Amino acid sequence: MAKIIENLNGRRIIRLNSNDIINIVREYQNITSGLFDYNAIRQKLDITDLYLPEDIN
């Protein structure tokens, strides 16, 4: 799961593991299936919400 990491400058970063990356790519492929035009893909992604679950320790 994605893990939010606080740093000393106040800006947070998100650490992704290999499963997170594979899930993002899988979602991208599902969302853009059948689309071949760059602008059509961008328009589809612009209206799509993607979420990463946070790792809670």
C-alpha atoms as a PDB file:
ATOM      1  CA  MET A   1       0.000   0.000   0.000  1.00  0.00           C
ATOM      2  CA  ALA A   2       1.063   3.573  -0.564  1.00  0.00           C
ATOM      3  CA  LYS A   3       2.764   5.176   2.397  1.00  0.00           C
ATOM      4  CA  ILE A   4       2.805   8.919   2.999  1.00  0.00           C
ATOM      5  CA  ILE A   5       6.182  10.102   4.239  1.00  0.00           C
ATOM      6  CA  GLU A   6       6.597  13.437   5.993  1.00  0.00           C
ATOM      7  CA  ASN A   7       9.858  15.266   5.435  1.00  0.00           C
ATOM      8  CA  LEU A   8      11.574  18.108   7.285  1.00  0.00           C
ATOM      9  CA  ASN A   9      10.567  20.738   4.706  1.00  0.00           C
ATOM     10  CA  GLY A  10       6.851  20.129   5.243  1.00  0.00           C
ATOM     11  CA  ARG A  11       6.315  18.525   1.854  1.00  0.00           C
ATOM     12  CA  ARG A  12       4.973  14.990   1.904  1.00  0.00           C
ATOM     13  CA  ILE A  13       5.884  12.262  -0.558  1.00  0.00           C
ATOM     14  CA  ILE A  14       4.157   8.985  -1.298  1.00  0.00           C
ATOM     15  CA  ARG A  15       6.122   5.742  -1.380  1.00  0.00           C
ATOM     16  CA  LEU A  16       4.737   3.127  -3.763  1.00  0.00           C
ATOM     17  CA  ASN A  17       5.582  -0.543  -3.769  1.00  0.00           C
ATOM     18  CA  SER A  18       5.577  -2.770  -6.842  1.00  0.00           C
ATOM     19  CA  ASN A  19       1.948  -3.828  -6.261  1.00  0.00           C
ATOM     20  CA  ASP A  20       0.849  -0.174  -6.185  1.00  0.00           C
ATOM     21  CA  ILE A  21       2.556   0.474  -9.505  1.00  0.00           C
ATOM     22  CA  ILE A  22       1.106  -2.651 -11.111  1.00  0.00           C
ATOM     23  CA  ASN A  23      -2.375  -1.674  -9.881  1.00  0.00           C
ATOM     24  CA  ILE A  24      -1.999   1.834 -11.329  1.00  0.00           C
ATOM     25  CA  VAL A  25      -0.908   0.436 -14.696  1.00  0.00           C
ATOM     26  CA  ARG A  26      -3.770  -2.092 -14.643  1.00  0.00           C
ATOM     27  CA  GLU A  27      -6.301   0.673 -13.897  1.00  0.00           C
ATOM     28  CA  TYR A  28      -4.826   2.821 -16.684  1.00  0.00           C
ATOM     29  CA  GLN A  29      -5.132  -0.063 -19.139  1.00  0.00           C
ATOM     30  CA  ASN A  30      -8.728  -0.752 -18.098  1.00  0.00           C
ATOM     31  CA  ILE A  31      -9.723   2.910 -18.314  1.00  0.00           C
ATOM     32  CA  THR A  32      -8.076   3.546 -21.681  1.00  0.00           C
ATOM     33  CA  SER A  33      -8.986   0.236 -23.321  1.00  0.00           C
ATOM     34  CA  GLY A  34      -9.953   0.815 -26.935  1.00  0.00           C
ATOM     35  CA  LEU A  35      -8.675   4.409 -27.003  1.00  0.00           C
ATOM     36  CA  PHE A  36      -5.752   5.149 -29.294  1.00  0.00           C
ATOM     37  CA  ASP A  37      -5.836   8.927 -29.628  1.00  0.00           C
ATOM     38  CA  TYR A  38      -3.728  10.863 -27.113  1.00  0.00           C
ATOM     39  CA  ASN A  39      -6.407  13.535 -26.621  1.00  0.00           C
ATOM     40  CA  ALA A  40      -9.136  10.945 -26.094  1.00  0.00           C
ATOM     41  CA  ILE A  41      -6.997   9.204 -23.470  1.00  0.00           C
ATOM     42  CA  ARG A  42      -6.299  12.521 -21.707  1.00  0.00           C
ATOM     43  CA  GLN A  43      -9.995  13.426 -21.706  1.00  0.00           C
ATOM     44  CA  LYS A  44     -10.928  10.037 -20.252  1.00  0.00           C
ATOM     45  CA  LEU A  45      -8.249  10.294 -17.545  1.00  0.00           C
ATOM     46  CA  ASP A  46      -9.246  13.890 -16.717  1.00  0.00           C
ATOM     47  CA  ILE A  47     -12.708  12.733 -15.628  1.00  0.00           C
ATOM     48  CA  THR A  48     -11.493   9.614 -13.827  1.00  0.00           C
ATOM     49  CA  ASP A  49     -10.590   9.556 -10.139  1.00  0.00           C
ATOM     50  CA  LEU A  50      -7.802   7.200  -9.105  1.00  0.00           C
ATOM     51  CA  TYR A  51      -7.037   6.501  -5.456  1.00  0.00           C
ATOM     52  CA  LEU A  52      -4.163   4.891  -3.601  1.00  0.00           C
ATOM     53  CA  PRO A  53      -4.924   3.295  -0.253  1.00  0.00           C
ATOM     54  CA  GLU A  54      -2.697   4.619   2.516  1.00  0.00           C
ATOM     55  CA  ASP A  55      -0.676   2.251   4.668  1.00  0.00           C
ATOM     56  CA  ILE A  56      -1.664   2.935   8.267  1.00  0.00           C
ATOM     57  CA  ASN A  57       0.823   1.837  10.898  1.00  0.00           C
END
